[in-house]
Amino acid sequence: MKYLGNFAILILSAGLLKGSPDVPAHWKLCATCHGPEGHGNQAIHAPAIAGLPDWYVQRQLEKFRTDVRGAHPDDVEGHLMRPMSRALPEKNIEGMAKYVASLPKAKNKHTFEGDPVKGKTLYNSCIGCHGVNGEGNPALKAPSQAGMDDWYMLVQLKKFKEGIRGNSPKDLEAMTMKPIMALLPDETAMKDVIAYIRTLPGKAPEGTPAPVPTSE
């Protein structure tokens, strides 16, 4: 695939990235694909990660490290993330996650059309975990969806649909996506629900108690 070639070029240039005292020493490993500001690179299927909750980033890095995520033979992007996550010392994962969370979010571009009106109805099945405004719920280990790259959400929904993601019995929160995918029969439905998610503020309604991450 073309973006794999681009990935190799970026890895070779990783040593050219210079950090500052405030930047984790291993950030250059992430920045080669996700960009120095964490705003992603669609050409190599690297999503924007800036501003993601630290608990979610830490959880996903741990999954990639332990083959809970990204081990399926058809998960090309996952296969790239696994060695990257293992190159990050375990003791540095928490600090890296906090750094990613501190980065300003990117201004996402719309890469496809969808019907947000139809998507609103479809999103009703997502509210229980991801929240009415797409704010997420750390207590359920459900990330915020608002502000995510639309192309990335589409790729991930397809992976859930095809059993490429959420196939490990150890990935309990990802496995909860399986019954939800039955309500999204095709790519059109996926684009519609994403089109609706793009309209969400990503903040819980005023007065809603803030949930906190749980331990395992």
C-alpha atoms as a PDB file:
ATOM      1  CA  MET A   1       0.000   0.000   0.000  1.00  0.00           C
ATOM      2  CA  LYS A   2       1.156   3.507  -0.804  1.00  0.00           C
ATOM      3  CA  TYR A   3       0.874   4.819   2.739  1.00  0.00           C
ATOM      4  CA  LEU A   4       3.152   2.045   4.020  1.00  0.00           C
ATOM      5  CA  GLY A   5       5.907   3.455   1.861  1.00  0.00           C
ATOM      6  CA  ASN A   6       5.233   6.899   3.273  1.00  0.00           C
ATOM      7  CA  PHE A   7       5.377   5.398   6.763  1.00  0.00           C
ATOM      8  CA  ALA A   8       8.838   3.950   6.113  1.00  0.00           C
ATOM      9  CA  ILE A   9      10.106   7.336   4.955  1.00  0.00           C
ATOM     10  CA  LEU A  10       8.783   8.999   8.101  1.00  0.00           C
ATOM     11  CA  ILE A  11      10.396   6.402  10.343  1.00  0.00           C
ATOM     12  CA  LEU A  12      13.763   6.956   8.656  1.00  0.00           C
ATOM     13  CA  SER A  13      13.440  10.671   9.357  1.00  0.00           C
ATOM     14  CA  ALA A  14      12.483  10.239  13.013  1.00  0.00           C
ATOM     15  CA  GLY A  15      15.949  11.160  14.175  1.00  0.00           C
ATOM     16  CA  LEU A  16      15.545  14.611  12.628  1.00  0.00           C
ATOM     17  CA  LEU A  17      12.874  15.586  15.136  1.00  0.00           C
ATOM     18  CA  LYS A  18      14.169  17.587  18.067  1.00  0.00           C
ATOM     19  CA  GLY A  19      12.420  17.686  21.399  1.00  0.00           C
ATOM     20  CA  SER A  20      12.328  20.330  24.097  1.00  0.00           C
ATOM     21  CA  PRO A  21      12.489  19.933  27.867  1.00  0.00           C
ATOM     22  CA  ASP A  22       8.665  19.813  27.929  1.00  0.00           C
ATOM     23  CA  VAL A  23       8.383  17.128  25.243  1.00  0.00           C
ATOM     24  CA  PRO A  24       8.726  13.444  26.246  1.00  0.00           C
ATOM     25  CA  ALA A  25      11.901  11.882  24.906  1.00  0.00           C
ATOM     26  CA  HIS A  26       9.987   9.232  22.956  1.00  0.00           C
ATOM     27  CA  TRP A  27       7.466  11.635  21.402  1.00  0.00           C
ATOM     28  CA  LYS A  28       9.439  11.589  18.138  1.00  0.00           C
ATOM     29  CA  LEU A  29       8.338   7.980  17.667  1.00  0.00           C
ATOM     30  CA  CYS A  30       4.713   9.113  17.726  1.00  0.00           C
ATOM     31  CA  ALA A  31       5.321  12.341  15.814  1.00  0.00           C
ATOM     32  CA  THR A  32       6.726  10.538  12.785  1.00  0.00           C
ATOM     33  CA  CYS A  33       3.182   9.456  11.929  1.00  0.00           C
ATOM     34  CA  HIS A  34       0.824  11.529  14.068  1.00  0.00           C
ATOM     35  CA  GLY A  35       2.720  14.763  13.476  1.00  0.00           C
ATOM     36  CA  PRO A  36       4.672  16.999  15.864  1.00  0.00           C
ATOM     37  CA  GLU A  37       1.404  18.540  17.082  1.00  0.00           C
ATOM     38  CA  GLY A  38      -0.463  15.232  17.129  1.00  0.00           C
ATOM     39  CA  HIS A  39      -2.776  16.341  14.328  1.00  0.00           C
ATOM     40  CA  GLY A  40      -2.431  13.150  12.322  1.00  0.00           C
ATOM     41  CA  ASN A  41      -1.703  12.286   8.695  1.00  0.00           C
ATOM     42  CA  GLN A  42      -4.501  10.752   6.649  1.00  0.00           C
ATOM     43  CA  ALA A  43      -2.067   9.762   3.863  1.00  0.00           C
ATOM     44  CA  ILE A  44      -0.646   7.070   6.135  1.00  0.00           C
ATOM     45  CA  HIS A  45      -3.873   6.430   8.056  1.00  0.00           C
ATOM     46  CA  ALA A  46      -2.524   8.047  11.239  1.00  0.00           C
ATOM     47  CA  PRO A  47      -5.356   9.818  13.081  1.00  0.00           C
ATOM     48  CA  ALA A  48      -5.202  13.006  15.077  1.00  0.00           C
ATOM     49  CA  ILE A  49      -4.520  12.116  18.698  1.00  0.00           C
ATOM     50  CA  ALA A  50      -3.997  15.579  20.210  1.00  0.00           C
ATOM     51  CA  GLY A  51      -6.335  16.212  23.111  1.00  0.00           C
ATOM     52  CA  LEU A  52      -7.482  12.629  23.554  1.00  0.00           C
ATOM     53  CA  PRO A  53      -8.114  11.732  27.216  1.00  0.00           C
ATOM     54  CA  ASP A  54      -4.945  10.462  28.885  1.00  0.00           C
ATOM     55  CA  TRP A  55      -6.714   7.402  30.266  1.00  0.00           C
ATOM     56  CA  TYR A  56      -7.816   6.417  26.754  1.00  0.00           C
ATOM     57  CA  VAL A  57      -4.375   6.920  25.191  1.00  0.00           C
ATOM     58  CA  GLN A  58      -2.768   4.890  27.956  1.00  0.00           C
ATOM     59  CA  ARG A  59      -5.328   2.129  27.579  1.00  0.00           C
ATOM     60  CA  GLN A  60      -4.841   1.856  23.805  1.00  0.00           C
ATOM     61  CA  LEU A  61      -1.036   1.848  24.061  1.00  0.00           C
ATOM     62  CA  GLU A  62      -1.253  -0.987  26.563  1.00  0.00           C
ATOM     63  CA  LYS A  63      -3.570  -2.902  24.238  1.00  0.00           C
ATOM     64  CA  PHE A  64      -1.219  -2.539  21.277  1.00  0.00           C
ATOM     65  CA  ARG A  65       1.745  -3.606  23.428  1.00  0.00           C
ATOM     66  CA  THR A  66       0.014  -6.799  24.549  1.00  0.00           C
ATOM     67  CA  ASP A  67      -1.662  -7.796  21.247  1.00  0.00           C
ATOM     68  CA  VAL A  68      -5.118  -7.093  22.600  1.00  0.00           C
ATOM     69  CA  ARG A  69      -5.500  -4.618  19.752  1.00  0.00           C
ATOM     70  CA  GLY A  70      -3.845  -4.646  16.353  1.00  0.00           C
ATOM     71  CA  ALA A  71      -3.010  -8.362  16.197  1.00  0.00           C
ATOM     72  CA  HIS A  72      -5.573  -9.342  13.562  1.00  0.00           C
ATOM     73  CA  PRO A  73      -3.779 -10.221  10.299  1.00  0.00           C
ATOM     74  CA  ASP A  74      -5.908  -7.732   8.345  1.00  0.00           C
ATOM     75  CA  ASP A  75      -5.280  -4.833  10.721  1.00  0.00           C
ATOM     76  CA  VAL A  76      -2.519  -3.135   8.722  1.00  0.00           C
ATOM     77  CA  GLU A  77      -2.464   0.033  10.814  1.00  0.00           C
ATOM     78  CA  GLY A  78      -2.554  -2.029  13.996  1.00  0.00           C
ATOM     79  CA  HIS A  79       0.525  -3.930  12.894  1.00  0.00           C
ATOM     80  CA  LEU A  80       2.354  -0.608  12.602  1.00  0.00           C
ATOM     81  CA  MET A  81       1.257   0.527  16.054  1.00  0.00           C
ATOM     82  CA  ARG A  82       2.350  -2.622  17.861  1.00  0.00           C
ATOM     83  CA  PRO A  83       6.126  -2.137  17.423  1.00  0.00           C
ATOM     84  CA  MET A  84       5.779   1.593  18.054  1.00  0.00           C
ATOM     85  CA  SER A  85       4.007   0.976  21.358  1.00  0.00           C
ATOM     86  CA  ARG A  86       6.622  -1.568  22.385  1.00  0.00           C
ATOM     87  CA  ALA A  87       9.416   0.879  21.627  1.00  0.00           C
ATOM     88  CA  LEU A  88       7.959   3.112  24.336  1.00  0.00           C
ATOM     89  CA  PRO A  89       9.221   1.997  27.774  1.00  0.00           C
ATOM     90  CA  GLU A  90       6.354   0.884  29.970  1.00  0.00           C
ATOM     91  CA  LYS A  91       7.341   3.379  32.661  1.00  0.00           C
ATOM     92  CA  ASN A  92       6.882   6.217  30.152  1.00  0.00           C
ATOM     93  CA  ILE A  93       3.385   5.311  28.949  1.00  0.00           C
ATOM     94  CA  GLU A  94       1.513   7.340  31.541  1.00  0.00           C
ATOM     95  CA  GLY A  95       3.620  10.432  30.929  1.00  0.00           C
ATOM     96  CA  MET A  96       3.224  10.116  27.167  1.00  0.00           C
ATOM     97  CA  ALA A  97      -0.543   9.785  27.532  1.00  0.00           C
ATOM     98  CA  LYS A  98      -0.681  12.947  29.635  1.00  0.00           C
ATOM     99  CA  TYR A  99       1.413  14.809  27.061  1.00  0.00           C
ATOM    100  CA  VAL A 100      -0.899  13.758  24.219  1.00  0.00           C
ATOM    101  CA  ALA A 101      -3.901  14.871  26.271  1.00  0.00           C
ATOM    102  CA  SER A 102      -2.286  18.277  26.795  1.00  0.00           C
ATOM    103  CA  LEU A 103      -1.915  19.003  23.073  1.00  0.00           C
ATOM    104  CA  PRO A 104      -4.488  21.344  21.452  1.00  0.00           C
ATOM    105  CA  LYS A 105      -6.997  19.456  19.346  1.00  0.00           C
ATOM    106  CA  ALA A 106      -6.829  19.666  15.569  1.00  0.00           C
ATOM    107  CA  LYS A 107      -9.551  21.300  13.489  1.00  0.00           C
ATOM    108  CA  ASN A 108     -10.923  18.320  11.639  1.00  0.00           C
ATOM    109  CA  LYS A 109     -11.854  18.491   7.970  1.00  0.00           C
ATOM    110  CA  HIS A 110     -14.896  16.717   6.577  1.00  0.00           C
ATOM    111  CA  THR A 111     -13.738  14.076   4.116  1.00  0.00           C
ATOM    112  CA  PHE A 112     -17.127  12.685   3.069  1.00  0.00           C
ATOM    113  CA  GLU A 113     -20.833  13.491   3.089  1.00  0.00           C
ATOM    114  CA  GLY A 114     -23.506  11.892   5.215  1.00  0.00           C
ATOM    115  CA  ASP A 115     -27.046  12.518   6.423  1.00  0.00           C
ATOM    116  CA  PRO A 116     -26.917  13.809  10.021  1.00  0.00           C
ATOM    117  CA  VAL A 117     -30.703  13.566  10.342  1.00  0.00           C
ATOM    118  CA  LYS A 118     -30.633   9.824   9.709  1.00  0.00           C
ATOM    119  CA  GLY A 119     -27.449   9.635  11.739  1.00  0.00           C
ATOM    120  CA  LYS A 120     -29.149  11.129  14.794  1.00  0.00           C
ATOM    121  CA  THR A 121     -31.549   8.194  14.925  1.00  0.00           C
ATOM    122  CA  LEU A 122     -28.705   5.720  14.512  1.00  0.00           C
ATOM    123  CA  TYR A 123     -26.724   7.451  17.249  1.00  0.00           C
ATOM    124  CA  ASN A 124     -29.381   6.563  19.831  1.00  0.00           C
ATOM    125  CA  SER A 125     -27.666   3.185  20.217  1.00  0.00           C
ATOM    126  CA  CYS A 126     -24.353   4.941  20.986  1.00  0.00           C
ATOM    127  CA  ILE A 127     -25.604   7.281  23.717  1.00  0.00           C
ATOM    128  CA  GLY A 128     -25.439   4.692  26.496  1.00  0.00           C
ATOM    129  CA  CYS A 129     -21.645   4.593  26.333  1.00  0.00           C
ATOM    130  CA  HIS A 130     -20.466   7.625  24.370  1.00  0.00           C
ATOM    131  CA  GLY A 131     -22.957  10.128  25.784  1.00  0.00           C
ATOM    132  CA  VAL A 132     -25.707  12.285  24.359  1.00  0.00           C
ATOM    133  CA  ASN A 133     -23.189  14.891  23.191  1.00  0.00           C
ATOM    134  CA  GLY A 134     -20.438  12.471  22.218  1.00  0.00           C
ATOM    135  CA  GLU A 135     -18.556  13.348  25.404  1.00  0.00           C
ATOM    136  CA  GLY A 136     -17.625   9.774  26.225  1.00  0.00           C
ATOM    137  CA  ASN A 137     -17.634   8.008  29.577  1.00  0.00           C
ATOM    138  CA  PRO A 138     -14.328   7.045  31.215  1.00  0.00           C
ATOM    139  CA  ALA A 139     -16.180   4.892  33.737  1.00  0.00           C
ATOM    140  CA  LEU A 140     -17.176   2.671  30.803  1.00  0.00           C
ATOM    141  CA  LYS A 141     -13.845   3.230  29.014  1.00  0.00           C
ATOM    142  CA  ALA A 142     -15.812   4.822  26.166  1.00  0.00           C
ATOM    143  CA  PRO A 143     -13.912   7.706  24.541  1.00  0.00           C
ATOM    144  CA  SER A 144     -15.322  10.984  23.347  1.00  0.00           C
ATOM    145  CA  GLN A 145     -16.216  10.774  19.670  1.00  0.00           C
ATOM    146  CA  ALA A 146     -16.698  14.459  19.004  1.00  0.00           C
ATOM    147  CA  GLY A 147     -13.689  15.951  17.275  1.00  0.00           C
ATOM    148  CA  MET A 148     -12.314  12.672  15.940  1.00  0.00           C
ATOM    149  CA  ASP A 149     -11.286  12.488  12.283  1.00  0.00           C
ATOM    150  CA  ASP A 150     -14.328  11.328  10.334  1.00  0.00           C
ATOM    151  CA  TRP A 151     -12.236   9.109   8.046  1.00  0.00           C
ATOM    152  CA  TYR A 152     -10.706   7.429  11.093  1.00  0.00           C
ATOM    153  CA  MET A 153     -14.107   6.751  12.655  1.00  0.00           C
ATOM    154  CA  LEU A 154     -15.245   5.189   9.378  1.00  0.00           C
ATOM    155  CA  VAL A 155     -12.168   2.944   9.221  1.00  0.00           C
ATOM    156  CA  GLN A 156     -12.697   1.822  12.813  1.00  0.00           C
ATOM    157  CA  LEU A 157     -16.412   1.133  12.336  1.00  0.00           C
ATOM    158  CA  LYS A 158     -15.552  -1.031   9.340  1.00  0.00           C
ATOM    159  CA  LYS A 159     -12.980  -2.895  11.420  1.00  0.00           C
ATOM    160  CA  PHE A 160     -15.553  -3.535  14.146  1.00  0.00           C
ATOM    161  CA  LYS A 161     -18.055  -4.655  11.504  1.00  0.00           C
ATOM    162  CA  GLU A 162     -15.591  -7.079   9.913  1.00  0.00           C
ATOM    163  CA  GLY A 163     -14.289  -8.425  13.213  1.00  0.00           C
ATOM    164  CA  ILE A 164     -10.826  -6.959  12.685  1.00  0.00           C
ATOM    165  CA  ARG A 165     -11.121  -4.911  15.842  1.00  0.00           C
ATOM    166  CA  GLY A 166     -12.776  -6.174  19.008  1.00  0.00           C
ATOM    167  CA  ASN A 167     -11.983  -9.806  18.237  1.00  0.00           C
ATOM    168  CA  SER A 168      -9.826 -10.385  21.318  1.00  0.00           C
ATOM    169  CA  PRO A 169     -11.685 -11.765  24.366  1.00  0.00           C
ATOM    170  CA  LYS A 170      -9.443  -9.518  26.474  1.00  0.00           C
ATOM    171  CA  ASP A 171     -10.712  -6.376  24.739  1.00  0.00           C
ATOM    172  CA  LEU A 172     -13.940  -6.203  26.694  1.00  0.00           C
ATOM    173  CA  GLU A 173     -14.953  -2.631  25.858  1.00  0.00           C
ATOM    174  CA  ALA A 174     -14.281  -3.154  22.153  1.00  0.00           C
ATOM    175  CA  MET A 175     -16.366  -6.331  22.197  1.00  0.00           C
ATOM    176  CA  THR A 176     -19.372  -4.268  23.274  1.00  0.00           C
ATOM    177  CA  MET A 177     -19.269  -2.691  19.803  1.00  0.00           C
ATOM    178  CA  LYS A 178     -20.263  -5.967  18.120  1.00  0.00           C
ATOM    179  CA  PRO A 179     -24.024  -5.754  18.799  1.00  0.00           C
ATOM    180  CA  ILE A 180     -23.988  -2.050  17.931  1.00  0.00           C
ATOM    181  CA  MET A 181     -22.562  -2.795  14.492  1.00  0.00           C
ATOM    182  CA  ALA A 182     -25.644  -4.857  13.664  1.00  0.00           C
ATOM    183  CA  LEU A 183     -27.523  -1.534  13.643  1.00  0.00           C
ATOM    184  CA  LEU A 184     -25.116  -0.089  11.058  1.00  0.00           C
ATOM    185  CA  PRO A 185     -25.655  -2.428   8.104  1.00  0.00           C
ATOM    186  CA  ASP A 186     -23.507  -0.668   5.527  1.00  0.00           C
ATOM    187  CA  GLU A 187     -21.097   2.170   4.807  1.00  0.00           C
ATOM    188  CA  THR A 188     -23.926   4.603   4.130  1.00  0.00           C
ATOM    189  CA  ALA A 189     -25.308   4.111   7.638  1.00  0.00           C
ATOM    190  CA  MET A 190     -21.814   4.501   9.077  1.00  0.00           C
ATOM    191  CA  LYS A 191     -21.308   7.785   7.232  1.00  0.00           C
ATOM    192  CA  ASP A 192     -24.702   9.027   8.397  1.00  0.00           C
ATOM    193  CA  VAL A 193     -23.983   8.409  12.070  1.00  0.00           C
ATOM    194  CA  ILE A 194     -20.538   9.973  11.713  1.00  0.00           C
ATOM    195  CA  ALA A 195     -22.099  13.004  10.017  1.00  0.00           C
ATOM    196  CA  TYR A 196     -24.254  13.419  13.110  1.00  0.00           C
ATOM    197  CA  ILE A 197     -21.299  12.924  15.468  1.00  0.00           C
ATOM    198  CA  ARG A 198     -19.537  15.768  13.644  1.00  0.00           C
ATOM    199  CA  THR A 199     -22.292  18.103  14.897  1.00  0.00           C
ATOM    200  CA  LEU A 200     -21.840  17.181  18.577  1.00  0.00           C
ATOM    201  CA  PRO A 201     -20.051  19.495  21.029  1.00  0.00           C
ATOM    202  CA  GLY A 202     -18.278  16.718  22.889  1.00  0.00           C
ATOM    203  CA  LYS A 203     -19.268  18.101  26.293  1.00  0.00           C
ATOM    204  CA  ALA A 204     -21.739  16.562  28.711  1.00  0.00           C
ATOM    205  CA  PRO A 205     -24.998  18.483  29.238  1.00  0.00           C
ATOM    206  CA  GLU A 206     -24.731  21.110  31.962  1.00  0.00           C
ATOM    207  CA  GLY A 207     -25.239  19.677  35.419  1.00  0.00           C
ATOM    208  CA  THR A 208     -24.178  16.142  34.476  1.00  0.00           C
ATOM    209  CA  PRO A 209     -21.803  14.656  37.077  1.00  0.00           C
ATOM    210  CA  ALA A 210     -18.353  14.009  35.606  1.00  0.00           C
ATOM    211  CA  PRO A 211     -17.595  10.263  35.508  1.00  0.00           C
ATOM    212  CA  VAL A 212     -14.121   9.070  36.403  1.00  0.00           C
ATOM    213  CA  PRO A 213     -12.020   6.265  34.924  1.00  0.00           C
ATOM    214  CA  THR A 214     -12.243   2.940  36.694  1.00  0.00           C
ATOM    215  CA  SER A 215      -9.469   0.478  37.335  1.00  0.00           C
ATOM    216  CA  GLU A 216      -9.476  -2.791  35.407  1.00  0.00           C
END
